[in-house]
């Protein structure tokens, strides 16, 4: 067993090889490094626009976490419940990462209602993930800080993976 760490969320994974995706935040394989090579980026010095973008991103992630939590508990079967549970955890991981980068508290999780019908929940998931992916690509393009570009592009990629899941099951 070898320890690996995610350069996006900082979480650790033990295994014979790095997984295809971070099991915590969903980042792609190339963001997973041997634990000894991991760099703690911690709180970031950000321009005013990046601070605003990160705060908007935290709100987006917390809202999506609340939606997926609702979807999990209203799922029509254990398969969709498992999918929504994993997506909820990843969205919360993203919010925690972003709050840490600001050196601020994450804020309260909102309450979000959702449909009782899985097909409708996946359609809503699709809308949410498309919006998130578009947002992250936009803010990555204007962020002057290299770390913010890295994180925003990674989050856009992760949200695109979520989009694939929503397409597959809707």
C-alpha atoms as a PDB file:
ATOM      1  CA  UNK A   1       0.000   0.000   0.000  1.00  0.00           C
ATOM      2  CA  UNK A   2       1.194   3.472  -0.883  1.00  0.00           C
ATOM      3  CA  UNK A   3      -0.096   6.845   0.312  1.00  0.00           C
ATOM      4  CA  UNK A   4      -1.259   9.277  -2.365  1.00  0.00           C
ATOM      5  CA  UNK A   5      -2.616  12.809  -1.909  1.00  0.00           C
ATOM      6  CA  UNK A   6      -4.811  14.910  -4.110  1.00  0.00           C
ATOM      7  CA  UNK A   7      -3.265  18.239  -5.146  1.00  0.00           C
ATOM      8  CA  UNK A   8      -6.765  19.684  -5.466  1.00  0.00           C
ATOM      9  CA  UNK A   9      -8.492  18.749  -2.178  1.00  0.00           C
ATOM     10  CA  UNK A  10      -5.527  17.474  -0.143  1.00  0.00           C
ATOM     11  CA  UNK A  11      -7.202  14.224   0.898  1.00  0.00           C
ATOM     12  CA  UNK A  12      -5.165  11.028   1.268  1.00  0.00           C
ATOM     13  CA  UNK A  13      -5.703   7.677  -0.417  1.00  0.00           C
ATOM     14  CA  UNK A  14      -3.981   4.387   0.408  1.00  0.00           C
ATOM     15  CA  UNK A  15      -3.602   1.811  -2.337  1.00  0.00           C
ATOM     16  CA  UNK A  16      -1.181  -0.063  -4.565  1.00  0.00           C
ATOM     17  CA  UNK A  17      -1.590   2.622  -7.275  1.00  0.00           C
ATOM     18  CA  UNK A  18      -3.307   5.990  -7.487  1.00  0.00           C
ATOM     19  CA  UNK A  19      -6.990   5.685  -8.450  1.00  0.00           C
ATOM     20  CA  UNK A  20      -8.389   7.022 -11.728  1.00  0.00           C
ATOM     21  CA  UNK A  21     -10.103   9.839  -9.809  1.00  0.00           C
ATOM     22  CA  UNK A  22      -9.748  11.239  -6.315  1.00  0.00           C
ATOM     23  CA  UNK A  23     -12.335   9.339  -4.267  1.00  0.00           C
ATOM     24  CA  UNK A  24     -13.057  12.501  -2.254  1.00  0.00           C
ATOM     25  CA  UNK A  25     -13.309  15.434  -4.680  1.00  0.00           C
ATOM     26  CA  UNK A  26     -13.388  13.604  -8.017  1.00  0.00           C
ATOM     27  CA  UNK A  27     -10.230  15.207  -9.464  1.00  0.00           C
ATOM     28  CA  UNK A  28      -8.544  13.359 -12.333  1.00  0.00           C
ATOM     29  CA  UNK A  29      -5.650  10.936 -11.854  1.00  0.00           C
ATOM     30  CA  UNK A  30      -2.941  13.469 -12.735  1.00  0.00           C
ATOM     31  CA  UNK A  31      -3.825  15.499  -9.619  1.00  0.00           C
ATOM     32  CA  UNK A  32      -2.967  12.526  -7.360  1.00  0.00           C
ATOM     33  CA  UNK A  33       0.671  12.420  -6.278  1.00  0.00           C
ATOM     34  CA  UNK A  34       2.794  10.357  -3.941  1.00  0.00           C
ATOM     35  CA  UNK A  35       2.248  11.728  -0.431  1.00  0.00           C
ATOM     36  CA  UNK A  36       5.912  12.806  -0.185  1.00  0.00           C
ATOM     37  CA  UNK A  37       5.472  15.015  -3.288  1.00  0.00           C
ATOM     38  CA  UNK A  38       2.255  16.712  -2.111  1.00  0.00           C
ATOM     39  CA  UNK A  39       2.338  20.495  -1.660  1.00  0.00           C
ATOM     40  CA  UNK A  40       0.057  22.173   0.882  1.00  0.00           C
ATOM     41  CA  UNK A  41      -1.217  25.302  -0.857  1.00  0.00           C
ATOM     42  CA  UNK A  42      -3.384  26.405   2.086  1.00  0.00           C
ATOM     43  CA  UNK A  43      -4.858  29.902   2.177  1.00  0.00           C
ATOM     44  CA  UNK A  44      -4.313  31.857  -1.019  1.00  0.00           C
ATOM     45  CA  UNK A  45      -3.575  35.530  -1.602  1.00  0.00           C
ATOM     46  CA  UNK A  46      -6.246  36.460  -4.128  1.00  0.00           C
ATOM     47  CA  UNK A  47      -7.259  39.531  -6.083  1.00  0.00           C
ATOM     48  CA  UNK A  48     -10.693  41.017  -5.353  1.00  0.00           C
ATOM     49  CA  UNK A  49     -12.277  39.355  -8.415  1.00  0.00           C
ATOM     50  CA  UNK A  50     -10.968  35.919  -7.420  1.00  0.00           C
ATOM     51  CA  UNK A  51     -12.243  36.380  -3.859  1.00  0.00           C
ATOM     52  CA  UNK A  52     -15.682  37.198  -5.271  1.00  0.00           C
ATOM     53  CA  UNK A  53     -15.508  34.208  -7.632  1.00  0.00           C
ATOM     54  CA  UNK A  54     -14.479  31.841  -4.842  1.00  0.00           C
ATOM     55  CA  UNK A  55     -17.316  33.060  -2.620  1.00  0.00           C
ATOM     56  CA  UNK A  56     -19.798  32.520  -5.485  1.00  0.00           C
ATOM     57  CA  UNK A  57     -18.300  29.067  -6.038  1.00  0.00           C
ATOM     58  CA  UNK A  58     -18.753  28.164  -2.364  1.00  0.00           C
ATOM     59  CA  UNK A  59     -22.410  29.157  -2.593  1.00  0.00           C
ATOM     60  CA  UNK A  60     -22.838  27.114  -5.772  1.00  0.00           C
ATOM     61  CA  UNK A  61     -21.208  24.053  -4.206  1.00  0.00           C
ATOM     62  CA  UNK A  62     -23.212  24.291  -0.976  1.00  0.00           C
ATOM     63  CA  UNK A  63     -26.428  24.660  -2.948  1.00  0.00           C
ATOM     64  CA  UNK A  64     -25.571  21.635  -5.085  1.00  0.00           C
ATOM     65  CA  UNK A  65     -24.648  19.669  -1.958  1.00  0.00           C
ATOM     66  CA  UNK A  66     -28.066  20.490  -0.479  1.00  0.00           C
ATOM     67  CA  UNK A  67     -29.792  19.437  -3.707  1.00  0.00           C
ATOM     68  CA  UNK A  68     -27.928  16.112  -3.859  1.00  0.00           C
ATOM     69  CA  UNK A  69     -28.598  15.471  -0.180  1.00  0.00           C
ATOM     70  CA  UNK A  70     -32.320  15.952  -0.808  1.00  0.00           C
ATOM     71  CA  UNK A  71     -32.088  13.773  -3.929  1.00  0.00           C
ATOM     72  CA  UNK A  72     -30.351  11.036  -1.952  1.00  0.00           C
ATOM     73  CA  UNK A  73     -33.073  10.845   0.669  1.00  0.00           C
ATOM     74  CA  UNK A  74     -35.858  10.961  -1.922  1.00  0.00           C
ATOM     75  CA  UNK A  75     -34.197   8.469  -4.292  1.00  0.00           C
ATOM     76  CA  UNK A  76     -36.449   5.758  -5.681  1.00  0.00           C
ATOM     77  CA  UNK A  77     -33.824   3.012  -5.356  1.00  0.00           C
ATOM     78  CA  UNK A  78     -30.478   2.274  -3.757  1.00  0.00           C
ATOM     79  CA  UNK A  79     -28.519   2.866  -6.977  1.00  0.00           C
ATOM     80  CA  UNK A  80     -29.680   6.447  -7.421  1.00  0.00           C
ATOM     81  CA  UNK A  81     -29.351   7.016  -3.668  1.00  0.00           C
ATOM     82  CA  UNK A  82     -25.694   5.926  -3.894  1.00  0.00           C
ATOM     83  CA  UNK A  83     -25.038   8.216  -6.871  1.00  0.00           C
ATOM     84  CA  UNK A  84     -26.632  11.223  -5.197  1.00  0.00           C
ATOM     85  CA  UNK A  85     -24.801  10.501  -1.909  1.00  0.00           C
ATOM     86  CA  UNK A  86     -21.425  10.464  -3.673  1.00  0.00           C
ATOM     87  CA  UNK A  87     -22.199  13.656  -5.606  1.00  0.00           C
ATOM     88  CA  UNK A  88     -23.324  15.389  -2.391  1.00  0.00           C
ATOM     89  CA  UNK A  89     -20.040  14.480  -0.694  1.00  0.00           C
ATOM     90  CA  UNK A  90     -17.954  15.706  -3.609  1.00  0.00           C
ATOM     91  CA  UNK A  91     -19.804  19.032  -3.773  1.00  0.00           C
ATOM     92  CA  UNK A  92     -19.238  19.515  -0.035  1.00  0.00           C
ATOM     93  CA  UNK A  93     -15.546  18.651  -0.478  1.00  0.00           C
ATOM     94  CA  UNK A  94     -15.331  21.378  -3.135  1.00  0.00           C
ATOM     95  CA  UNK A  95     -16.940  23.956  -0.822  1.00  0.00           C
ATOM     96  CA  UNK A  96     -14.540  23.024   1.992  1.00  0.00           C
ATOM     97  CA  UNK A  97     -11.527  23.342  -0.332  1.00  0.00           C
ATOM     98  CA  UNK A  98     -12.634  26.761  -1.568  1.00  0.00           C
ATOM     99  CA  UNK A  99     -13.345  28.049   1.950  1.00  0.00           C
ATOM    100  CA  UNK A 100      -9.893  26.878   3.057  1.00  0.00           C
ATOM    101  CA  UNK A 101      -8.332  28.740   0.133  1.00  0.00           C
ATOM    102  CA  UNK A 102     -10.021  31.931   1.360  1.00  0.00           C
ATOM    103  CA  UNK A 103      -9.193  31.217   4.977  1.00  0.00           C
ATOM    104  CA  UNK A 104     -12.865  31.661   5.824  1.00  0.00           C
ATOM    105  CA  UNK A 105     -15.699  29.589   7.207  1.00  0.00           C
ATOM    106  CA  UNK A 106     -17.839  27.843   4.628  1.00  0.00           C
ATOM    107  CA  UNK A 107     -21.135  29.274   5.792  1.00  0.00           C
ATOM    108  CA  UNK A 108     -24.434  27.542   6.364  1.00  0.00           C
ATOM    109  CA  UNK A 109     -25.759  24.881   4.064  1.00  0.00           C
ATOM    110  CA  UNK A 110     -29.045  25.925   2.477  1.00  0.00           C
ATOM    111  CA  UNK A 111     -32.165  23.792   2.404  1.00  0.00           C
ATOM    112  CA  UNK A 112     -33.178  22.751  -1.096  1.00  0.00           C
ATOM    113  CA  UNK A 113     -36.285  20.888  -2.159  1.00  0.00           C
ATOM    114  CA  UNK A 114     -36.233  18.285  -4.900  1.00  0.00           C
ATOM    115  CA  UNK A 115     -38.596  16.067  -6.829  1.00  0.00           C
ATOM    116  CA  UNK A 116     -39.698  12.624  -5.693  1.00  0.00           C
ATOM    117  CA  UNK A 117     -39.048  11.304  -9.236  1.00  0.00           C
ATOM    118  CA  UNK A 118     -35.487  10.224 -10.041  1.00  0.00           C
ATOM    119  CA  UNK A 119     -35.759  11.198 -13.705  1.00  0.00           C
ATOM    120  CA  UNK A 120     -36.647  14.746 -12.682  1.00  0.00           C
ATOM    121  CA  UNK A 121     -33.804  14.836 -10.157  1.00  0.00           C
ATOM    122  CA  UNK A 122     -31.304  13.772 -12.825  1.00  0.00           C
ATOM    123  CA  UNK A 123     -32.670  16.447 -15.178  1.00  0.00           C
ATOM    124  CA  UNK A 124     -32.153  19.041 -12.428  1.00  0.00           C
ATOM    125  CA  UNK A 125     -28.683  17.612 -11.731  1.00  0.00           C
ATOM    126  CA  UNK A 126     -27.893  18.063 -15.422  1.00  0.00           C
ATOM    127  CA  UNK A 127     -28.885  21.754 -15.290  1.00  0.00           C
ATOM    128  CA  UNK A 128     -26.880  22.315 -12.135  1.00  0.00           C
ATOM    129  CA  UNK A 129     -23.738  20.594 -13.403  1.00  0.00           C
ATOM    130  CA  UNK A 130     -23.859  22.402 -16.744  1.00  0.00           C
ATOM    131  CA  UNK A 131     -24.169  25.732 -14.900  1.00  0.00           C
ATOM    132  CA  UNK A 132     -21.270  24.825 -12.574  1.00  0.00           C
ATOM    133  CA  UNK A 133     -19.006  23.660 -15.392  1.00  0.00           C
ATOM    134  CA  UNK A 134     -19.662  26.830 -17.389  1.00  0.00           C
ATOM    135  CA  UNK A 135     -19.051  28.986 -14.312  1.00  0.00           C
ATOM    136  CA  UNK A 136     -15.731  27.297 -13.481  1.00  0.00           C
ATOM    137  CA  UNK A 137     -14.434  27.610 -17.038  1.00  0.00           C
ATOM    138  CA  UNK A 138     -15.355  31.304 -17.025  1.00  0.00           C
ATOM    139  CA  UNK A 139     -13.656  32.087 -13.713  1.00  0.00           C
ATOM    140  CA  UNK A 140     -10.604  29.949 -14.521  1.00  0.00           C
ATOM    141  CA  UNK A 141     -10.137  31.988 -17.678  1.00  0.00           C
ATOM    142  CA  UNK A 142      -9.999  35.289 -15.789  1.00  0.00           C
ATOM    143  CA  UNK A 143      -8.197  34.215 -12.595  1.00  0.00           C
ATOM    144  CA  UNK A 144      -4.695  35.717 -12.517  1.00  0.00           C
ATOM    145  CA  UNK A 145      -3.464  33.343  -9.781  1.00  0.00           C
ATOM    146  CA  UNK A 146      -1.961  30.059 -11.069  1.00  0.00           C
ATOM    147  CA  UNK A 147      -3.400  28.048  -8.158  1.00  0.00           C
ATOM    148  CA  UNK A 148      -6.885  29.420  -8.773  1.00  0.00           C
ATOM    149  CA  UNK A 149      -6.635  28.547 -12.464  1.00  0.00           C
ATOM    150  CA  UNK A 150      -5.583  25.004 -11.511  1.00  0.00           C
ATOM    151  CA  UNK A 151      -8.428  24.562  -9.021  1.00  0.00           C
ATOM    152  CA  UNK A 152     -11.124  26.176 -11.172  1.00  0.00           C
ATOM    153  CA  UNK A 153     -10.137  24.106 -14.230  1.00  0.00           C
ATOM    154  CA  UNK A 154     -10.072  20.939 -12.087  1.00  0.00           C
ATOM    155  CA  UNK A 155     -13.536  21.760 -10.713  1.00  0.00           C
ATOM    156  CA  UNK A 156     -14.838  22.369 -14.254  1.00  0.00           C
ATOM    157  CA  UNK A 157     -13.529  18.940 -15.232  1.00  0.00           C
ATOM    158  CA  UNK A 158     -15.116  17.314 -12.180  1.00  0.00           C
ATOM    159  CA  UNK A 159     -18.459  19.004 -12.861  1.00  0.00           C
ATOM    160  CA  UNK A 160     -18.233  17.704 -16.448  1.00  0.00           C
ATOM    161  CA  UNK A 161     -17.854  14.202 -15.015  1.00  0.00           C
ATOM    162  CA  UNK A 162     -20.958  14.828 -12.897  1.00  0.00           C
ATOM    163  CA  UNK A 163     -22.698  15.984 -16.070  1.00  0.00           C
ATOM    164  CA  UNK A 164     -21.879  12.637 -17.685  1.00  0.00           C
ATOM    165  CA  UNK A 165     -23.451  10.835 -14.715  1.00  0.00           C
ATOM    166  CA  UNK A 166     -26.591  12.949 -14.933  1.00  0.00           C
ATOM    167  CA  UNK A 167     -26.823  12.243 -18.678  1.00  0.00           C
ATOM    168  CA  UNK A 168     -26.354   8.530 -18.188  1.00  0.00           C
ATOM    169  CA  UNK A 169     -29.156   8.172 -15.667  1.00  0.00           C
ATOM    170  CA  UNK A 170     -31.735  10.733 -16.781  1.00  0.00           C
END
